[in-house]
Amino acid sequence: MNEKRERVLRTSPREKKIEFQERIYNQTDMKRVLRHLDSRARMIAIRFAWVVLLSICCVAARDFVKPAPQPAKTYPAHDSHPTEAITVAIDPYDMPDKAQIFSVKYQDDGFLPIFLIVTNDGDQPISLAGMKPQLVTVNRTKLAAATADDLYRRLAHPTRRDNPYPLPFPRTKMKGAVSKKAMDEIESAQFSAKAVEPHTTQSGFLFFDVAGLSTPLAGAQFFLTGVRDAKGNEVMYFEIPLEKYLSAPSSKP
């Protein structure tokens, strides 16, 4: 302690001034460095925010592209009629990663998209003009495929399910309009083929109203009737247990 006091006392005023200036200079340099780092960090954050924003915009702006169908026999959930050389397959889009192809969140509004694939391996065309798809749940509830108008009505007038009160308390209104983009997507996605030419495949989405069903696929059956051959004769109905899909390995056809 005494040695430190003696060293301070021996320091000349000029040396003290130089030492003081050096401390000020070092502090100024440190502030300048910190300001530079802060500026660089802000720039990095701004650039990152722009990248995220552009990515979101690109995803939001992309148009719906219907999946390219494979031959119906390659899907786990299918039913073949060898005599008529017709195979029908379904591929439910019940998982978030598969549903990313849509801009509309159909499952949030109670609809389950199911990709329908019809392959005609015969030498004559078949007619689908009168076909009737049906999903029968494990409780024997029969669900017909929703029409475009059914989808528009539900999407235009969504109902909130987060109000625990049965009384009509004021609630936040939800936007009740279907955008043109959503309408175009529905039109492009829905199964619309009226016939399947020889050695070709037709495909499209069916939408089933499964609101209120926690596990609509477990134990369910899919039926397709109304398929006719080139002579106008109705082909035996197609029946596909959904367990074929649920128990299949998680790989795309």
Protein backbone atom coordinates (compact mmCIF):
# COMPACT_ATOMS: atom_id res chain seq x y z
CA MET A 1 0.00 0.00 0.00
CA ASN A 2 2.81 2.42 0.93
CA GLU A 3 4.70 1.59 -2.27
CA LYS A 4 1.59 2.43 -4.35
CA ARG A 5 1.23 5.81 -2.58
CA GLU A 6 4.91 6.64 -3.14
CA ARG A 7 4.59 5.73 -6.86
CA VAL A 8 1.58 8.04 -7.22
CA LEU A 9 3.37 10.88 -5.40
CA ARG A 10 6.45 10.50 -7.62
CA THR A 11 4.36 10.79 -10.82
CA SER A 12 4.83 14.20 -12.43
CA PRO A 13 1.85 16.35 -13.54
CA ARG A 14 2.86 15.84 -17.17
CA GLU A 15 2.84 12.04 -16.76
CA LYS A 16 -0.56 12.24 -15.06
CA LYS A 17 -1.92 14.27 -17.98
CA ILE A 18 -0.62 11.74 -20.51
CA GLU A 19 -2.03 8.85 -18.49
CA PHE A 20 -5.43 10.60 -18.30
CA GLN A 21 -5.45 11.25 -22.06
CA GLU A 22 -4.63 7.61 -22.75
CA ARG A 23 -7.58 6.48 -20.61
CA ILE A 24 -9.91 8.86 -22.43
CA TYR A 25 -8.60 7.67 -25.80
CA ASN A 26 -9.06 4.00 -24.86
CA GLN A 27 -12.61 4.66 -23.65
CA THR A 28 -13.40 6.50 -26.89
CA ASP A 29 -12.04 3.62 -28.95
CA MET A 30 -14.16 1.16 -26.97
CA LYS A 31 -17.30 3.23 -27.54
CA ARG A 32 -16.51 3.44 -31.25
CA VAL A 33 -16.05 -0.34 -31.41
CA LEU A 34 -19.30 -0.92 -29.56
CA ARG A 35 -21.16 1.47 -31.87
CA HIS A 36 -19.73 -0.38 -34.88
CA LEU A 37 -20.81 -3.74 -33.48
CA ASP A 38 -24.30 -2.41 -32.69
CA SER A 39 -24.62 -1.02 -36.21
CA ARG A 40 -23.49 -4.28 -37.77
CA ALA A 41 -25.85 -6.31 -35.59
CA ARG A 42 -28.75 -4.06 -36.60
CA MET A 43 -27.87 -4.49 -40.27
CA ILE A 44 -27.73 -8.28 -39.92
CA ALA A 45 -31.10 -8.27 -38.13
CA ILE A 46 -32.67 -6.10 -40.85
CA ARG A 47 -31.34 -8.36 -43.62
CA PHE A 48 -32.60 -11.46 -41.82
CA ALA A 49 -36.04 -9.88 -41.39
CA TRP A 50 -36.18 -9.11 -45.11
CA VAL A 51 -35.26 -12.69 -46.00
CA VAL A 52 -38.00 -14.05 -43.72
CA LEU A 53 -40.55 -11.58 -45.10
CA LEU A 54 -39.71 -12.43 -48.71
CA SER A 55 -39.94 -16.14 -47.94
CA ILE A 56 -43.37 -15.68 -46.40
CA CYS A 57 -44.54 -13.60 -49.36
CA CYS A 58 -43.32 -16.21 -51.83
CA VAL A 59 -45.13 -18.99 -49.99
CA ALA A 60 -48.31 -16.93 -49.73
CA ALA A 61 -48.22 -15.92 -53.38
CA ARG A 62 -47.61 -19.35 -54.88
CA ASP A 63 -50.43 -20.90 -56.86
CA PHE A 64 -51.91 -24.31 -56.17
CA VAL A 65 -50.42 -27.12 -58.24
CA LYS A 66 -52.27 -30.42 -58.24
CA PRO A 67 -50.04 -33.42 -57.55
CA ALA A 68 -49.10 -35.48 -60.56
CA PRO A 69 -50.88 -38.83 -60.20
CA GLN A 70 -49.12 -42.15 -60.33
CA PRO A 71 -50.87 -45.33 -61.52
CA ALA A 72 -53.56 -46.16 -58.99
CA LYS A 73 -52.02 -49.55 -58.18
CA THR A 74 -48.94 -47.88 -56.73
CA TYR A 75 -50.90 -46.29 -53.86
CA PRO A 76 -51.30 -48.36 -50.68
CA ALA A 77 -55.04 -47.71 -50.45
CA HIS A 78 -56.48 -49.03 -53.72
CA ASP A 79 -58.99 -51.50 -55.11
CA SER A 80 -58.51 -53.19 -58.49
CA HIS A 81 -61.07 -54.82 -60.78
CA PRO A 82 -58.96 -57.02 -63.08
CA THR A 83 -61.90 -57.99 -65.28
CA GLU A 84 -62.64 -54.36 -66.18
CA ALA A 85 -58.95 -53.34 -65.90
CA ILE A 86 -59.87 -50.45 -63.59
CA THR A 87 -58.10 -49.46 -60.38
CA VAL A 88 -59.26 -46.82 -57.93
CA ALA A 89 -56.97 -45.40 -55.23
CA ILE A 90 -57.21 -42.74 -52.55
CA ASP A 91 -54.55 -40.73 -50.75
CA PRO A 92 -55.81 -38.66 -47.80
CA TYR A 93 -54.08 -35.33 -47.21
CA ASP A 94 -54.57 -35.50 -43.46
CA MET A 95 -51.09 -34.47 -42.36
CA PRO A 96 -49.76 -30.87 -42.22
CA ASP A 97 -46.76 -31.62 -44.44
CA LYS A 98 -49.00 -32.97 -47.21
CA ALA A 99 -51.59 -30.19 -46.80
CA GLN A 100 -48.91 -27.55 -47.47
CA ILE A 101 -49.76 -27.73 -51.17
CA PHE A 102 -52.97 -25.82 -50.38
CA SER A 103 -53.25 -22.13 -49.58
CA VAL A 104 -56.62 -22.74 -47.90
CA LYS A 105 -56.50 -24.49 -44.53
CA TYR A 106 -59.39 -26.85 -45.20
CA GLN A 107 -58.91 -28.88 -42.03
CA ASP A 108 -59.34 -25.75 -39.92
CA ASP A 109 -62.84 -25.52 -41.39
CA GLY A 110 -63.63 -29.19 -40.89
CA PHE A 111 -62.85 -30.57 -44.35
CA LEU A 112 -60.60 -33.53 -45.12
CA PRO A 113 -59.02 -33.50 -48.62
CA ILE A 114 -58.68 -36.95 -50.20
CA PHE A 115 -56.81 -37.39 -53.46
CA LEU A 116 -58.76 -39.73 -55.77
CA ILE A 117 -56.93 -41.59 -58.55
CA VAL A 118 -58.68 -43.66 -61.25
CA THR A 119 -56.58 -45.67 -63.69
CA ASN A 120 -58.04 -47.33 -66.78
CA ASP A 121 -55.73 -50.08 -68.05
CA GLY A 122 -58.33 -51.33 -70.53
CA ASP A 123 -58.76 -50.68 -74.22
CA GLN A 124 -62.10 -48.89 -73.92
CA PRO A 125 -62.99 -45.61 -72.15
CA ILE A 126 -64.93 -45.64 -68.92
CA SER A 127 -67.47 -43.07 -67.72
CA LEU A 128 -67.30 -41.26 -64.38
CA ALA A 129 -70.17 -38.87 -65.09
CA GLY A 130 -72.44 -40.61 -62.59
CA MET A 131 -69.87 -41.66 -60.01
CA LYS A 132 -70.73 -41.27 -56.32
CA PRO A 133 -67.87 -41.26 -53.80
CA GLN A 134 -68.73 -41.89 -50.18
CA LEU A 135 -66.76 -42.06 -46.93
CA VAL A 136 -68.26 -44.30 -44.26
CA THR A 137 -66.84 -43.79 -40.78
CA VAL A 138 -66.30 -46.49 -38.18
CA ASN A 139 -69.64 -45.47 -36.64
CA ARG A 140 -71.35 -46.05 -40.01
CA THR A 141 -71.84 -42.34 -40.66
CA LYS A 142 -72.08 -41.87 -44.42
CA LEU A 143 -70.37 -38.77 -45.78
CA ALA A 144 -70.80 -37.57 -49.34
CA ALA A 145 -68.11 -35.48 -51.00
CA ALA A 146 -68.66 -31.75 -50.57
CA THR A 147 -69.57 -29.66 -53.58
CA ALA A 148 -67.82 -26.42 -54.46
CA ASP A 149 -70.81 -24.52 -53.03
CA ASP A 150 -70.48 -26.46 -49.76
CA LEU A 151 -66.86 -25.38 -49.53
CA TYR A 152 -67.67 -21.75 -50.39
CA ARG A 153 -70.38 -21.56 -47.74
CA ARG A 154 -68.17 -22.95 -45.01
CA LEU A 155 -65.17 -20.84 -45.94
CA ALA A 156 -67.28 -17.68 -46.30
CA HIS A 157 -69.01 -18.11 -42.94
CA PRO A 158 -66.52 -19.75 -40.58
CA THR A 159 -67.60 -20.35 -37.00
CA ARG A 160 -65.34 -19.88 -34.03
CA ARG A 161 -65.03 -22.89 -31.74
CA ASP A 162 -63.21 -21.16 -28.90
CA ASN A 163 -66.23 -19.69 -27.08
CA PRO A 164 -67.06 -21.88 -24.06
CA TYR A 165 -70.24 -19.95 -23.26
CA PRO A 166 -73.61 -21.14 -24.64
CA LEU A 167 -75.11 -17.66 -24.29
CA PRO A 168 -74.84 -15.20 -27.17
CA PHE A 169 -72.13 -12.98 -25.72
CA PRO A 170 -70.50 -10.57 -28.19
CA ARG A 171 -67.70 -12.28 -30.07
CA THR A 172 -65.10 -11.17 -32.55
CA LYS A 173 -66.49 -11.39 -36.07
CA MET A 174 -64.48 -13.30 -38.60
CA LYS A 175 -64.00 -12.27 -42.20
CA GLY A 176 -66.73 -13.84 -44.28
CA ALA A 177 -65.50 -13.72 -47.85
CA VAL A 178 -63.92 -16.30 -50.12
CA SER A 179 -61.02 -14.88 -52.07
CA LYS A 180 -60.70 -15.43 -55.80
CA LYS A 181 -57.48 -17.31 -55.14
CA ALA A 182 -59.31 -19.75 -52.86
CA MET A 183 -62.08 -20.20 -55.41
CA ASP A 184 -59.55 -20.87 -58.18
CA GLU A 185 -57.77 -23.37 -55.97
CA ILE A 186 -60.98 -25.26 -55.21
CA GLU A 187 -61.88 -25.36 -58.90
CA SER A 188 -58.41 -26.63 -59.83
CA ALA A 189 -58.21 -29.16 -57.00
CA GLN A 190 -61.58 -30.89 -57.17
CA PHE A 191 -61.97 -34.12 -59.11
CA SER A 192 -63.77 -33.10 -62.29
CA ALA A 193 -63.06 -35.82 -64.87
CA LYS A 194 -66.15 -37.29 -66.52
CA ALA A 195 -64.31 -40.11 -68.25
CA VAL A 196 -61.01 -41.96 -68.30
CA GLU A 197 -59.56 -42.82 -71.68
CA PRO A 198 -57.82 -46.18 -72.28
CA HIS A 199 -54.45 -46.58 -70.58
CA THR A 200 -54.66 -43.23 -68.78
CA THR A 201 -55.19 -41.96 -65.25
CA GLN A 202 -57.44 -39.20 -63.93
CA SER A 203 -57.17 -37.61 -60.52
CA GLY A 204 -58.40 -34.84 -58.28
CA PHE A 205 -59.41 -34.03 -54.73
CA LEU A 206 -62.59 -34.90 -52.88
CA PHE A 207 -63.41 -32.91 -49.75
CA PHE A 208 -65.34 -34.55 -46.92
CA ASP A 209 -66.96 -32.68 -44.05
CA VAL A 210 -65.49 -34.36 -40.97
CA ALA A 211 -66.17 -31.54 -38.51
CA GLY A 212 -66.59 -32.97 -35.04
CA LEU A 213 -64.80 -36.23 -35.86
CA SER A 214 -61.50 -36.57 -34.03
CA THR A 215 -60.28 -39.60 -36.03
CA PRO A 216 -62.34 -39.77 -39.22
CA LEU A 217 -60.04 -42.24 -41.00
CA ALA A 218 -59.62 -44.93 -38.33
CA GLY A 219 -61.87 -47.85 -39.24
CA ALA A 220 -63.43 -45.95 -42.14
CA GLN A 221 -64.25 -47.27 -45.61
CA PHE A 222 -64.26 -45.46 -48.94
CA PHE A 223 -66.79 -46.47 -51.59
CA LEU A 224 -67.04 -45.44 -55.23
CA THR A 225 -70.14 -46.32 -57.24
CA GLY A 226 -71.53 -45.23 -60.59
CA VAL A 227 -68.52 -46.08 -62.74
CA ARG A 228 -69.66 -47.35 -66.15
CA ASP A 229 -67.90 -49.16 -68.98
CA ALA A 230 -67.98 -48.20 -72.67
CA LYS A 231 -71.31 -50.01 -73.13
CA GLY A 232 -72.97 -48.09 -70.32
CA ASN A 233 -72.98 -50.97 -67.85
CA GLU A 234 -72.26 -50.06 -64.24
CA VAL A 235 -69.11 -51.61 -62.87
CA MET A 236 -69.11 -53.29 -59.47
CA TYR A 237 -68.51 -50.75 -56.71
CA PHE A 238 -65.01 -50.09 -55.40
CA GLU A 239 -64.31 -50.47 -51.68
CA ILE A 240 -61.14 -49.26 -50.00
CA PRO A 241 -60.51 -49.67 -46.25
CA LEU A 242 -58.68 -46.62 -44.91
CA GLU A 243 -56.56 -48.92 -42.77
CA LYS A 244 -54.60 -49.66 -45.94
CA TYR A 245 -53.48 -46.05 -45.90
CA LEU A 246 -53.00 -45.74 -42.13
CA SER A 247 -50.91 -48.92 -41.85
CA ALA A 248 -48.75 -48.26 -44.90
CA PRO A 249 -45.13 -47.12 -44.52
CA SER A 250 -44.76 -43.35 -44.66
CA SER A 251 -43.45 -43.17 -48.20
CA LYS A 252 -44.87 -41.45 -51.25
CA PRO A 253 -46.00 -43.57 -54.15
